[in-house]
Amino acid sequence: MFGSAKYRNYRYGADDHVAVVHTEKIAYKAAIFTTSAIHKAAHTGKFDYGHNFYAKDADALDIMLPERDGLPDYKYMETLISAIQKLVIKDVVLYADSKIAETKNIIQKR
């Protein structure tokens, strides 16, 4: 909660203690990677009810991103997120297939 980062690709509202980072200029999957890096940098336990997260705190975060020639390597970020998504989809399909097989097995036994 405190110092966490979330990616939103739709209109939303936010109240105080929220720093909004606009990612319209980078690709969707690179934005997801960047959000994860921001979360890792900010969600360290440093922020709580006694020390809220403010926009000025975002400026002091050390966000680690892959780089190429001294610039963020957005293409690499997109490729990595795409590969992770494919692995997750594969695992979901395997899980669903196993549940279907178990269900068929139970039905056949009855």
PDB file of N, CA and C in Angstrom:
ATOM      1  N   MET A   1       0.820  -1.184   0.000  1.00  0.00           N
ATOM      2  CA  MET A   1       0.000   0.000   0.000  1.00  0.00           C
ATOM      3  C   MET A   1       0.869   1.256   0.000  1.00  0.00           C
ATOM      4  N   PHE A   2       1.706   1.435   0.975  1.00  0.00           N
ATOM      5  CA  PHE A   2       2.521   2.638   1.054  1.00  0.00           C
ATOM      6  C   PHE A   2       3.738   2.491   0.163  1.00  0.00           C
ATOM      7  N   GLY A   3       3.812   3.343  -0.840  1.00  0.00           N
ATOM      8  CA  GLY A   3       4.926   3.279  -1.772  1.00  0.00           C
ATOM      9  C   GLY A   3       4.723   2.263  -2.865  1.00  0.00           C
ATOM     10  N   SER A   4       3.533   1.696  -2.975  1.00  0.00           N
ATOM     11  CA  SER A   4       3.310   0.714  -4.035  1.00  0.00           C
ATOM     12  C   SER A   4       3.022   1.424  -5.357  1.00  0.00           C
ATOM     13  N   ALA A   5       3.267   0.746  -6.447  1.00  0.00           N
ATOM     14  CA  ALA A   5       3.024   1.304  -7.779  1.00  0.00           C
ATOM     15  C   ALA A   5       2.063   0.388  -8.522  1.00  0.00           C
ATOM     16  N   LYS A   6       1.139   0.986  -9.235  1.00  0.00           N
ATOM     17  CA  LYS A   6       0.143   0.249 -10.007  1.00  0.00           C
ATOM     18  C   LYS A   6       0.091   0.823 -11.408  1.00  0.00           C
ATOM     19  N   TYR A   7      -0.075  -0.040 -12.401  1.00  0.00           N
ATOM     20  CA  TYR A   7      -0.232   0.414 -13.781  1.00  0.00           C
ATOM     21  C   TYR A   7      -1.713   0.504 -14.097  1.00  0.00           C
ATOM     22  N   ARG A   8      -2.140   1.602 -14.689  1.00  0.00           N
ATOM     23  CA  ARG A   8      -3.529   1.789 -15.101  1.00  0.00           C
ATOM     24  C   ARG A   8      -3.537   2.272 -16.543  1.00  0.00           C
ATOM     25  N   ASN A   9      -4.246   1.565 -17.408  1.00  0.00           N
ATOM     26  CA  ASN A   9      -4.346   2.007 -18.800  1.00  0.00           C
ATOM     27  C   ASN A   9      -5.765   2.494 -19.107  1.00  0.00           C
ATOM     28  N   TYR A  10      -6.401   3.059 -18.086  1.00  0.00           N
ATOM     29  CA  TYR A  10      -7.741   3.605 -18.228  1.00  0.00           C
ATOM     30  C   TYR A  10      -7.845   4.835 -17.327  1.00  0.00           C
ATOM     31  N   ARG A  11      -8.900   5.595 -17.504  1.00  0.00           N
ATOM     32  CA  ARG A  11      -9.107   6.789 -16.669  1.00  0.00           C
ATOM     33  C   ARG A  11      -9.368   6.358 -15.232  1.00  0.00           C
ATOM     34  N   TYR A  12      -8.816   7.093 -14.291  1.00  0.00           N
ATOM     35  CA  TYR A  12      -8.957   6.763 -12.878  1.00  0.00           C
ATOM     36  C   TYR A  12      -8.840   8.044 -12.064  1.00  0.00           C
ATOM     37  N   GLY A  13      -9.213   7.954 -10.833  1.00  0.00           N
ATOM     38  CA  GLY A  13      -9.061   9.073  -9.920  1.00  0.00           C
ATOM     39  C   GLY A  13      -8.043   8.718  -8.848  1.00  0.00           C
ATOM     40  N   ALA A  14      -7.439   9.726  -8.285  1.00  0.00           N
ATOM     41  CA  ALA A  14      -6.464   9.507  -7.218  1.00  0.00           C
ATOM     42  C   ALA A  14      -6.604  10.633  -6.204  1.00  0.00           C
ATOM     43  N   ASP A  15      -6.304  10.314  -4.953  1.00  0.00           N
ATOM     44  CA  ASP A  15      -6.374  11.343  -3.927  1.00  0.00           C
ATOM     45  C   ASP A  15      -4.965  11.778  -3.538  1.00  0.00           C
ATOM     46  N   ASP A  16      -4.837  12.397  -2.377  1.00  0.00           N
ATOM     47  CA  ASP A  16      -3.515  12.838  -1.954  1.00  0.00           C
ATOM     48  C   ASP A  16      -2.637  11.641  -1.614  1.00  0.00           C
ATOM     49  N   HIS A  17      -1.375  11.861  -1.455  1.00  0.00           N
ATOM     50  CA  HIS A  17      -0.370  10.828  -1.183  1.00  0.00           C
ATOM     51  C   HIS A  17      -0.210   9.878  -2.369  1.00  0.00           C
ATOM     52  N   VAL A  18      -0.520  10.374  -3.573  1.00  0.00           N
ATOM     53  CA  VAL A  18      -0.389   9.567  -4.781  1.00  0.00           C
ATOM     54  C   VAL A  18       0.449  10.358  -5.772  1.00  0.00           C
ATOM     55  N   ALA A  19       1.481   9.720  -6.292  1.00  0.00           N
ATOM     56  CA  ALA A  19       2.269  10.326  -7.360  1.00  0.00           C
ATOM     57  C   ALA A  19       1.879   9.627  -8.651  1.00  0.00           C
ATOM     58  N   VAL A  20       1.420  10.378  -9.627  1.00  0.00           N
ATOM     59  CA  VAL A  20       0.993   9.807 -10.897  1.00  0.00           C
ATOM     60  C   VAL A  20       2.125   9.980 -11.896  1.00  0.00           C
ATOM     61  N   VAL A  21       2.516   8.866 -12.511  1.00  0.00           N
ATOM     62  CA  VAL A  21       3.563   8.877 -13.526  1.00  0.00           C
ATOM     63  C   VAL A  21       2.881   8.605 -14.864  1.00  0.00           C
ATOM     64  N   HIS A  22       3.057   9.511 -15.801  1.00  0.00           N
ATOM     65  CA  HIS A  22       2.430   9.344 -17.114  1.00  0.00           C
ATOM     66  C   HIS A  22       3.367   8.576 -18.033  1.00  0.00           C
ATOM     67  N   THR A  23       2.831   7.532 -18.655  1.00  0.00           N
ATOM     68  CA  THR A  23       3.653   6.656 -19.500  1.00  0.00           C
ATOM     69  C   THR A  23       3.152   6.614 -20.944  1.00  0.00           C
ATOM     70  N   GLU A  24       2.439   7.642 -21.373  1.00  0.00           N
ATOM     71  CA  GLU A  24       1.871   7.634 -22.715  1.00  0.00           C
ATOM     72  C   GLU A  24       2.936   7.566 -23.810  1.00  0.00           C
ATOM     73  N   LYS A  25       4.151   7.969 -23.507  1.00  0.00           N
ATOM     74  CA  LYS A  25       5.194   8.028 -24.527  1.00  0.00           C
ATOM     75  C   LYS A  25       6.024   6.753 -24.630  1.00  0.00           C
ATOM     76  N   ILE A  26       5.720   5.760 -23.806  1.00  0.00           N
ATOM     77  CA  ILE A  26       6.415   4.480 -23.941  1.00  0.00           C
ATOM     78  C   ILE A  26       5.384   3.385 -24.188  1.00  0.00           C
ATOM     79  N   ALA A  27       5.822   2.314 -24.791  1.00  0.00           N
ATOM     80  CA  ALA A  27       4.930   1.213 -25.150  1.00  0.00           C
ATOM     81  C   ALA A  27       4.322   0.573 -23.900  1.00  0.00           C
ATOM     82  N   TYR A  28       3.155  -0.013 -24.080  1.00  0.00           N
ATOM     83  CA  TYR A  28       2.378  -0.629 -22.996  1.00  0.00           C
ATOM     84  C   TYR A  28       3.212  -1.593 -22.150  1.00  0.00           C
ATOM     85  N   LYS A  29       3.912  -2.516 -22.781  1.00  0.00           N
ATOM     86  CA  LYS A  29       4.674  -3.518 -22.025  1.00  0.00           C
ATOM     87  C   LYS A  29       5.894  -2.900 -21.348  1.00  0.00           C
ATOM     88  N   ALA A  30       6.491  -1.898 -21.952  1.00  0.00           N
ATOM     89  CA  ALA A  30       7.598  -1.185 -21.306  1.00  0.00           C
ATOM     90  C   ALA A  30       7.070  -0.412 -20.095  1.00  0.00           C
ATOM     91  N   ALA A  31       5.840   0.099 -20.186  1.00  0.00           N
ATOM     92  CA  ALA A  31       5.229   0.803 -19.052  1.00  0.00           C
ATOM     93  C   ALA A  31       4.973  -0.159 -17.894  1.00  0.00           C
ATOM     94  N   ILE A  32       4.556  -1.387 -18.212  1.00  0.00           N
ATOM     95  CA  ILE A  32       4.351  -2.393 -17.163  1.00  0.00           C
ATOM     96  C   ILE A  32       5.680  -2.705 -16.475  1.00  0.00           C
ATOM     97  N   PHE A  33       6.741  -2.881 -17.243  1.00  0.00           N
ATOM     98  CA  PHE A  33       8.067  -3.133 -16.673  1.00  0.00           C
ATOM     99  C   PHE A  33       8.479  -1.965 -15.777  1.00  0.00           C
ATOM    100  N   THR A  34       8.314  -0.743 -16.293  1.00  0.00           N
ATOM    101  CA  THR A  34       8.704   0.453 -15.548  1.00  0.00           C
ATOM    102  C   THR A  34       7.918   0.562 -14.244  1.00  0.00           C
ATOM    103  N   THR A  35       6.623   0.247 -14.293  1.00  0.00           N
ATOM    104  CA  THR A  35       5.797   0.274 -13.083  1.00  0.00           C
ATOM    105  C   THR A  35       6.344  -0.699 -12.045  1.00  0.00           C
ATOM    106  N   SER A  36       6.732  -1.876 -12.497  1.00  0.00           N
ATOM    107  CA  SER A  36       7.298  -2.873 -11.588  1.00  0.00           C
ATOM    108  C   SER A  36       8.594  -2.356 -10.954  1.00  0.00           C
ATOM    109  N   ALA A  37       9.422  -1.703 -11.750  1.00  0.00           N
ATOM    110  CA  ALA A  37      10.677  -1.147 -11.227  1.00  0.00           C
ATOM    111  C   ALA A  37      10.413  -0.030 -10.219  1.00  0.00           C
ATOM    112  N   ILE A  38       9.403   0.791 -10.494  1.00  0.00           N
ATOM    113  CA  ILE A  38       9.042   1.862  -9.553  1.00  0.00           C
ATOM    114  C   ILE A  38       8.534   1.254  -8.250  1.00  0.00           C
ATOM    115  N   HIS A  39       7.692   0.224  -8.366  1.00  0.00           N
ATOM    116  CA  HIS A  39       7.163  -0.449  -7.170  1.00  0.00           C
ATOM    117  C   HIS A  39       8.309  -1.002  -6.318  1.00  0.00           C
ATOM    118  N   LYS A  40       9.247  -1.655  -6.978  1.00  0.00           N
ATOM    119  CA  LYS A  40      10.386  -2.242  -6.247  1.00  0.00           C
ATOM    120  C   LYS A  40      11.195  -1.160  -5.540  1.00  0.00           C
ATOM    121  N   ALA A  41      11.367  -0.023  -6.189  1.00  0.00           N
ATOM    122  CA  ALA A  41      12.157   1.063  -5.596  1.00  0.00           C
ATOM    123  C   ALA A  41      11.420   1.756  -4.452  1.00  0.00           C
ATOM    124  N   ALA A  42      10.077   1.811  -4.535  1.00  0.00           N
ATOM    125  CA  ALA A  42       9.314   2.583  -3.547  1.00  0.00           C
ATOM    126  C   ALA A  42       8.709   1.747  -2.434  1.00  0.00           C
ATOM    127  N   HIS A  43       8.431   0.484  -2.700  1.00  0.00           N
ATOM    128  CA  HIS A  43       7.713  -0.354  -1.725  1.00  0.00           C
ATOM    129  C   HIS A  43       8.724  -1.098  -0.854  1.00  0.00           C
ATOM    130  N   THR A  44       9.427  -0.340  -0.031  1.00  0.00           N
ATOM    131  CA  THR A  44      10.519  -0.898   0.767  1.00  0.00           C
ATOM    132  C   THR A  44      10.211  -0.943   2.257  1.00  0.00           C
ATOM    133  N   GLY A  45       9.017  -0.469   2.636  1.00  0.00           N
ATOM    134  CA  GLY A  45       8.683  -0.387   4.054  1.00  0.00           C
ATOM    135  C   GLY A  45       9.023   0.962   4.662  1.00  0.00           C
ATOM    136  N   LYS A  46       9.612   1.836   3.864  1.00  0.00           N
ATOM    137  CA  LYS A  46       9.995   3.167   4.340  1.00  0.00           C
ATOM    138  C   LYS A  46       8.762   4.037   4.613  1.00  0.00           C
ATOM    139  N   PHE A  47       7.680   3.792   3.873  1.00  0.00           N
ATOM    140  CA  PHE A  47       6.484   4.621   3.989  1.00  0.00           C
ATOM    141  C   PHE A  47       5.404   3.890   4.782  1.00  0.00           C
ATOM    142  N   ASP A  48       4.720   4.648   5.657  1.00  0.00           N
ATOM    143  CA  ASP A  48       3.639   4.091   6.469  1.00  0.00           C
ATOM    144  C   ASP A  48       2.723   5.241   6.883  1.00  0.00           C
ATOM    145  N   TYR A  49       1.826   4.994   7.833  1.00  0.00           N
ATOM    146  CA  TYR A  49       0.914   6.053   8.275  1.00  0.00           C
ATOM    147  C   TYR A  49       1.668   7.241   8.859  1.00  0.00           C
ATOM    148  N   GLY A  50       2.813   6.997   9.447  1.00  0.00           N
ATOM    149  CA  GLY A  50       3.602   8.074  10.036  1.00  0.00           C
ATOM    150  C   GLY A  50       4.454   8.810   9.015  1.00  0.00           C
ATOM    151  N   HIS A  51       4.762   8.162   7.918  1.00  0.00           N
ATOM    152  CA  HIS A  51       5.577   8.766   6.858  1.00  0.00           C
ATOM    153  C   HIS A  51       4.943   8.424   5.515  1.00  0.00           C
ATOM    154  N   ASN A  52       3.998   9.260   5.105  1.00  0.00           N
ATOM    155  CA  ASN A  52       3.267   9.028   3.858  1.00  0.00           C
ATOM    156  C   ASN A  52       4.142   9.258   2.640  1.00  0.00           C
ATOM    157  N   PHE A  53       3.743   8.667   1.537  1.00  0.00           N
ATOM    158  CA  PHE A  53       4.425   8.830   0.255  1.00  0.00           C
ATOM    159  C   PHE A  53       3.853  10.056  -0.446  1.00  0.00           C
ATOM    160  N   TYR A  54       4.710  10.986  -0.833  1.00  0.00           N
ATOM    161  CA  TYR A  54       4.312  12.191  -1.559  1.00  0.00           C
ATOM    162  C   TYR A  54       5.013  12.215  -2.914  1.00  0.00           C
ATOM    163  N   ALA A  55       4.516  13.063  -3.803  1.00  0.00           N
ATOM    164  CA  ALA A  55       5.113  13.168  -5.134  1.00  0.00           C
ATOM    165  C   ALA A  55       6.607  13.517  -5.048  1.00  0.00           C
ATOM    166  N   LYS A  56       6.989  14.346  -4.090  1.00  0.00           N
ATOM    167  CA  LYS A  56       8.409  14.705  -3.945  1.00  0.00           C
ATOM    168  C   LYS A  56       9.259  13.481  -3.608  1.00  0.00           C
ATOM    169  N   ASP A  57       8.652  12.490  -2.953  1.00  0.00           N
ATOM    170  CA  ASP A  57       9.385  11.267  -2.640  1.00  0.00           C
ATOM    171  C   ASP A  57       9.713  10.474  -3.908  1.00  0.00           C
ATOM    172  N   ALA A  58       8.844  10.570  -4.896  1.00  0.00           N
ATOM    173  CA  ALA A  58       9.071   9.854  -6.153  1.00  0.00           C
ATOM    174  C   ALA A  58      10.329  10.363  -6.846  1.00  0.00           C
ATOM    175  N   ASP A  59      10.589  11.660  -6.735  1.00  0.00           N
ATOM    176  CA  ASP A  59      11.775  12.240  -7.377  1.00  0.00           C
ATOM    177  C   ASP A  59      13.077  11.683  -6.803  1.00  0.00           C
ATOM    178  N   ALA A  60      13.045  11.194  -5.570  1.00  0.00           N
ATOM    179  CA  ALA A  60      14.260  10.703  -4.912  1.00  0.00           C
ATOM    180  C   ALA A  60      14.457   9.193  -5.073  1.00  0.00           C
ATOM    181  N   LEU A  61      13.543   8.510  -5.755  1.00  0.00           N
ATOM    182  CA  LEU A  61      13.671   7.060  -5.919  1.00  0.00           C
ATOM    183  C   LEU A  61      14.771   6.712  -6.910  1.00  0.00           C
ATOM    184  N   ASP A  62      15.511   5.667  -6.608  1.00  0.00           N
ATOM    185  CA  ASP A  62      16.498   5.123  -7.547  1.00  0.00           C
ATOM    186  C   ASP A  62      15.828   3.957  -8.262  1.00  0.00           C
ATOM    187  N   ILE A  63      15.385   4.201  -9.472  1.00  0.00           N
ATOM    188  CA  ILE A  63      14.671   3.192 -10.259  1.00  0.00           C
ATOM    189  C   ILE A  63      15.663   2.536 -11.209  1.00  0.00           C
ATOM    190  N   MET A  64      15.770   1.223 -11.108  1.00  0.00           N
ATOM    191  CA  MET A  64      16.716   0.485 -11.923  1.00  0.00           C
ATOM    192  C   MET A  64      16.019  -0.040 -13.183  1.00  0.00           C
ATOM    193  N   LEU A  65      16.502   0.410 -14.341  1.00  0.00           N
ATOM    194  CA  LEU A  65      15.968  -0.047 -15.625  1.00  0.00           C
ATOM    195  C   LEU A  65      17.114  -0.560 -16.481  1.00  0.00           C
ATOM    196  N   PRO A  66      16.838  -1.545 -17.339  1.00  0.00           N
ATOM    197  CA  PRO A  66      17.887  -1.972 -18.268  1.00  0.00           C
ATOM    198  C   PRO A  66      18.187  -0.822 -19.241  1.00  0.00           C
ATOM    199  N   GLU A  67      19.429  -0.747 -19.637  1.00  0.00           N
ATOM    200  CA  GLU A  67      19.779   0.350 -20.546  1.00  0.00           C
ATOM    201  C   GLU A  67      20.643  -0.146 -21.697  1.00  0.00           C
ATOM    202  N   ARG A  68      20.640   0.652 -22.725  1.00  0.00           N
ATOM    203  CA  ARG A  68      21.465   0.388 -23.907  1.00  0.00           C
ATOM    204  C   ARG A  68      21.995   1.742 -24.379  1.00  0.00           C
ATOM    205  N   ASP A  69      23.265   1.850 -24.500  1.00  0.00           N
ATOM    206  CA  ASP A  69      23.920   3.098 -24.917  1.00  0.00           C
ATOM    207  C   ASP A  69      23.538   4.269 -23.998  1.00  0.00           C
ATOM    208  N   GLY A  70      23.399   3.971 -22.695  1.00  0.00           N
ATOM    209  CA  GLY A  70      23.117   5.014 -21.720  1.00  0.00           C
ATOM    210  C   GLY A  70      21.670   5.465 -21.636  1.00  0.00           C
ATOM    211  N   LEU A  71      20.775   4.804 -22.383  1.00  0.00           N
ATOM    212  CA  LEU A  71      19.353   5.151 -22.380  1.00  0.00           C
ATOM    213  C   LEU A  71      18.541   3.939 -21.970  1.00  0.00           C
ATOM    214  N   PRO A  72      17.352   4.146 -21.397  1.00  0.00           N
ATOM    215  CA  PRO A  72      16.512   2.989 -21.060  1.00  0.00           C
ATOM    216  C   PRO A  72      16.251   2.123 -22.298  1.00  0.00           C
ATOM    217  N   ASP A  73      16.410   0.823 -22.135  1.00  0.00           N
ATOM    218  CA  ASP A  73      16.212  -0.118 -23.246  1.00  0.00           C
ATOM    219  C   ASP A  73      14.762  -0.605 -23.229  1.00  0.00           C
ATOM    220  N   TYR A  74      13.875   0.206 -23.787  1.00  0.00           N
ATOM    221  CA  TYR A  74      12.442  -0.102 -23.774  1.00  0.00           C
ATOM    222  C   TYR A  74      12.122  -1.353 -24.585  1.00  0.00           C
ATOM    223  N   LYS A  75      12.862  -1.598 -25.645  1.00  0.00           N
ATOM    224  CA  LYS A  75      12.625  -2.799 -26.460  1.00  0.00           C
ATOM    225  C   LYS A  75      12.883  -4.054 -25.633  1.00  0.00           C
ATOM    226  N   TYR A  76      13.953  -4.073 -24.856  1.00  0.00           N
ATOM    227  CA  TYR A  76      14.243  -5.204 -23.978  1.00  0.00           C
ATOM    228  C   TYR A  76      13.124  -5.391 -22.956  1.00  0.00           C
ATOM    229  N   MET A  77      12.652  -4.263 -22.373  1.00  0.00           N
ATOM    230  CA  MET A  77      11.575  -4.337 -21.390  1.00  0.00           C
ATOM    231  C   MET A  77      10.328  -4.957 -22.009  1.00  0.00           C
ATOM    232  N   GLU A  78       9.986  -4.538 -23.239  1.00  0.00           N
ATOM    233  CA  GLU A  78       8.819  -5.088 -23.929  1.00  0.00           C
ATOM    234  C   GLU A  78       8.984  -6.582 -24.175  1.00  0.00           C
ATOM    235  N   THR A  79      10.168  -6.986 -24.612  1.00  0.00           N
ATOM    236  CA  THR A  79      10.436  -8.400 -24.897  1.00  0.00           C
ATOM    237  C   THR A  79      10.323  -9.237 -23.628  1.00  0.00           C
ATOM    238  N   LEU A  80      10.879  -8.752 -22.526  1.00  0.00           N
ATOM    239  CA  LEU A  80      10.832  -9.487 -21.265  1.00  0.00           C
ATOM    240  C   LEU A  80       9.397  -9.631 -20.761  1.00  0.00           C
ATOM    241  N   ILE A  81       8.630  -8.551 -20.772  1.00  0.00           N
ATOM    242  CA  ILE A  81       7.239  -8.620 -20.310  1.00  0.00           C
ATOM    243  C   ILE A  81       6.437  -9.543 -21.218  1.00  0.00           C
ATOM    244  N   SER A  82       6.675  -9.496 -22.503  1.00  0.00           N
ATOM    245  CA  SER A  82       5.979 -10.387 -23.442  1.00  0.00           C
ATOM    246  C   SER A  82       6.289 -11.848 -23.122  1.00  0.00           C
ATOM    247  N   ALA A  83       7.546 -12.162 -22.854  1.00  0.00           N
ATOM    248  CA  ALA A  83       7.939 -13.534 -22.512  1.00  0.00           C
ATOM    249  C   ALA A  83       7.282 -13.976 -21.202  1.00  0.00           C
ATOM    250  N   ILE A  84       7.246 -13.104 -20.216  1.00  0.00           N
ATOM    251  CA  ILE A  84       6.607 -13.436 -18.933  1.00  0.00           C
ATOM    252  C   ILE A  84       5.119 -13.688 -19.138  1.00  0.00           C
ATOM    253  N   GLN A  85       4.462 -12.848 -19.927  1.00  0.00           N
ATOM    254  CA  GLN A  85       3.033 -13.036 -20.195  1.00  0.00           C
ATOM    255  C   GLN A  85       2.779 -14.385 -20.867  1.00  0.00           C
ATOM    256  N   LYS A  86       3.625 -14.764 -21.803  1.00  0.00           N
ATOM    257  CA  LYS A  86       3.465 -16.057 -22.485  1.00  0.00           C
ATOM    258  C   LYS A  86       3.632 -17.213 -21.509  1.00  0.00           C
ATOM    259  N   LEU A  87       4.586 -17.107 -20.591  1.00  0.00           N
ATOM    260  CA  LEU A  87       4.775 -18.155 -19.585  1.00  0.00           C
ATOM    261  C   LEU A  87       3.568 -18.263 -18.661  1.00  0.00           C
ATOM    262  N   VAL A  88       3.027 -17.122 -18.278  1.00  0.00           N
ATOM    263  CA  VAL A  88       1.849 -17.125 -17.404  1.00  0.00           C
ATOM    264  C   VAL A  88       0.662 -17.749 -18.129  1.00  0.00           C
ATOM    265  N   ILE A  89       0.452 -17.381 -19.385  1.00  0.00           N
ATOM    266  CA  ILE A  89      -0.646 -17.956 -20.169  1.00  0.00           C
ATOM    267  C   ILE A  89      -0.471 -19.462 -20.288  1.00  0.00           C
ATOM    268  N   LYS A  90       0.757 -19.899 -20.551  1.00  0.00           N
ATOM    269  CA  LYS A  90       1.025 -21.337 -20.661  1.00  0.00           C
ATOM    270  C   LYS A  90       0.672 -22.044 -19.354  1.00  0.00           C
ATOM    271  N   ASP A  91       1.080 -21.469 -18.227  1.00  0.00           N
ATOM    272  CA  ASP A  91       0.771 -22.078 -16.921  1.00  0.00           C
ATOM    273  C   ASP A  91      -0.730 -22.116 -16.655  1.00  0.00           C
ATOM    274  N   VAL A  92      -1.443 -21.075 -17.045  1.00  0.00           N
ATOM    275  CA  VAL A  92      -2.898 -21.050 -16.856  1.00  0.00           C
ATOM    276  C   VAL A  92      -3.555 -22.137 -17.704  1.00  0.00           C
ATOM    277  N   VAL A  93      -3.102 -22.297 -18.942  1.00  0.00           N
ATOM    278  CA  VAL A  93      -3.647 -23.343 -19.813  1.00  0.00           C
ATOM    279  C   VAL A  93      -3.362 -24.726 -19.227  1.00  0.00           C
ATOM    280  N   LEU A  94      -2.150 -24.955 -18.756  1.00  0.00           N
ATOM    281  CA  LEU A  94      -1.814 -26.248 -18.147  1.00  0.00           C
ATOM    282  C   LEU A  94      -2.671 -26.514 -16.913  1.00  0.00           C
ATOM    283  N   TYR A  95      -2.877 -25.502 -16.096  1.00  0.00           N
ATOM    284  CA  TYR A  95      -3.713 -25.631 -14.903  1.00  0.00           C
ATOM    285  C   TYR A  95      -5.151 -25.964 -15.293  1.00  0.00           C
ATOM    286  N   ALA A  96      -5.685 -25.204 -16.255  1.00  0.00           N
ATOM    287  CA  ALA A  96      -7.065 -25.448 -16.702  1.00  0.00           C
ATOM    288  C   ALA A  96      -7.202 -26.851 -17.298  1.00  0.00           C
ATOM    289  N   ASP A  97      -6.226 -27.271 -18.085  1.00  0.00           N
ATOM    290  CA  ASP A  97      -6.267 -28.616 -18.669  1.00  0.00           C
ATOM    291  C   ASP A  97      -6.266 -29.693 -17.587  1.00  0.00           C
ATOM    292  N   SER A  98      -5.470 -29.488 -16.539  1.00  0.00           N
ATOM    293  CA  SER A  98      -5.428 -30.488 -15.461  1.00  0.00           C
ATOM    294  C   SER A  98      -6.751 -30.533 -14.703  1.00  0.00           C
ATOM    295  N   LYS A  99      -7.375 -29.390 -14.490  1.00  0.00           N
ATOM    296  CA  LYS A  99      -8.671 -29.358 -13.807  1.00  0.00           C
ATOM    297  C   LYS A  99      -9.751 -30.020 -14.662  1.00  0.00           C
ATOM    298  N   ILE A 100      -9.718 -29.791 -15.949  1.00  0.00           N
ATOM    299  CA  ILE A 100     -10.676 -30.437 -16.865  1.00  0.00           C
ATOM    300  C   ILE A 100     -10.482 -31.944 -16.839  1.00  0.00           C
ATOM    301  N   ALA A 101      -9.223 -32.379 -16.872  1.00  0.00           N
ATOM    302  CA  ALA A 101      -8.937 -33.819 -16.830  1.00  0.00           C
ATOM    303  C   ALA A 101      -9.413 -34.433 -15.517  1.00  0.00           C
ATOM    304  N   GLU A 102      -9.183 -33.748 -14.402  1.00  0.00           N
ATOM    305  CA  GLU A 102      -9.650 -34.242 -13.098  1.00  0.00           C
ATOM    306  C   GLU A 102     -11.172 -34.339 -13.066  1.00  0.00           C
ATOM    307  N   THR A 103     -11.830 -33.341 -13.589  1.00  0.00           N
ATOM    308  CA  THR A 103     -13.297 -33.337 -13.618  1.00  0.00           C
ATOM    309  C   THR A 103     -13.824 -34.490 -14.459  1.00  0.00           C
ATOM    310  N   LYS A 104     -13.228 -34.690 -15.624  1.00  0.00           N
ATOM    311  CA  LYS A 104     -13.643 -35.807 -16.488  1.00  0.00           C
ATOM    312  C   LYS A 104     -13.421 -37.136 -15.789  1.00  0.00           C
ATOM    313  N   ASN A 105     -12.319 -37.270 -15.086  1.00  0.00           N
ATOM    314  CA  ASN A 105     -12.005 -38.498 -14.366  1.00  0.00           C
ATOM    315  C   ASN A 105     -13.041 -38.774 -13.280  1.00  0.00           C
ATOM    316  N   ILE A 106     -13.420 -37.738 -12.529  1.00  0.00           N
ATOM    317  CA  ILE A 106     -14.435 -37.892 -11.467  1.00  0.00           C
ATOM    318  C   ILE A 106     -15.775 -38.287 -12.067  1.00  0.00           C
ATOM    319  N   ILE A 107     -16.149 -37.631 -13.165  1.00  0.00           N
ATOM    320  CA  ILE A 107     -17.436 -37.941 -13.814  1.00  0.00           C
ATOM    321  C   ILE A 107     -17.462 -39.367 -14.332  1.00  0.00           C
ATOM    322  N   GLN A 108     -16.362 -39.830 -14.899  1.00  0.00           N
ATOM    323  CA  GLN A 108     -16.300 -41.201 -15.424  1.00  0.00           C
ATOM    324  C   GLN A 108     -16.418 -42.248 -14.315  1.00  0.00           C
ATOM    325  N   LYS A 109     -15.929 -41.908 -13.130  1.00  0.00           N
ATOM    326  CA  LYS A 109     -15.984 -42.858 -12.005  1.00  0.00           C
ATOM    327  C   LYS A 109     -17.382 -42.991 -11.445  1.00  0.00           C
ATOM    328  N   ARG A 110     -18.249 -42.037 -11.692  1.00  0.00           N
ATOM    329  CA  ARG A 110     -19.607 -42.060 -11.140  1.00  0.00           C
ATOM    330  C   ARG A 110     -20.473 -42.811 -12.036  1.00  0.00           C
TER     331      ARG A 110
END
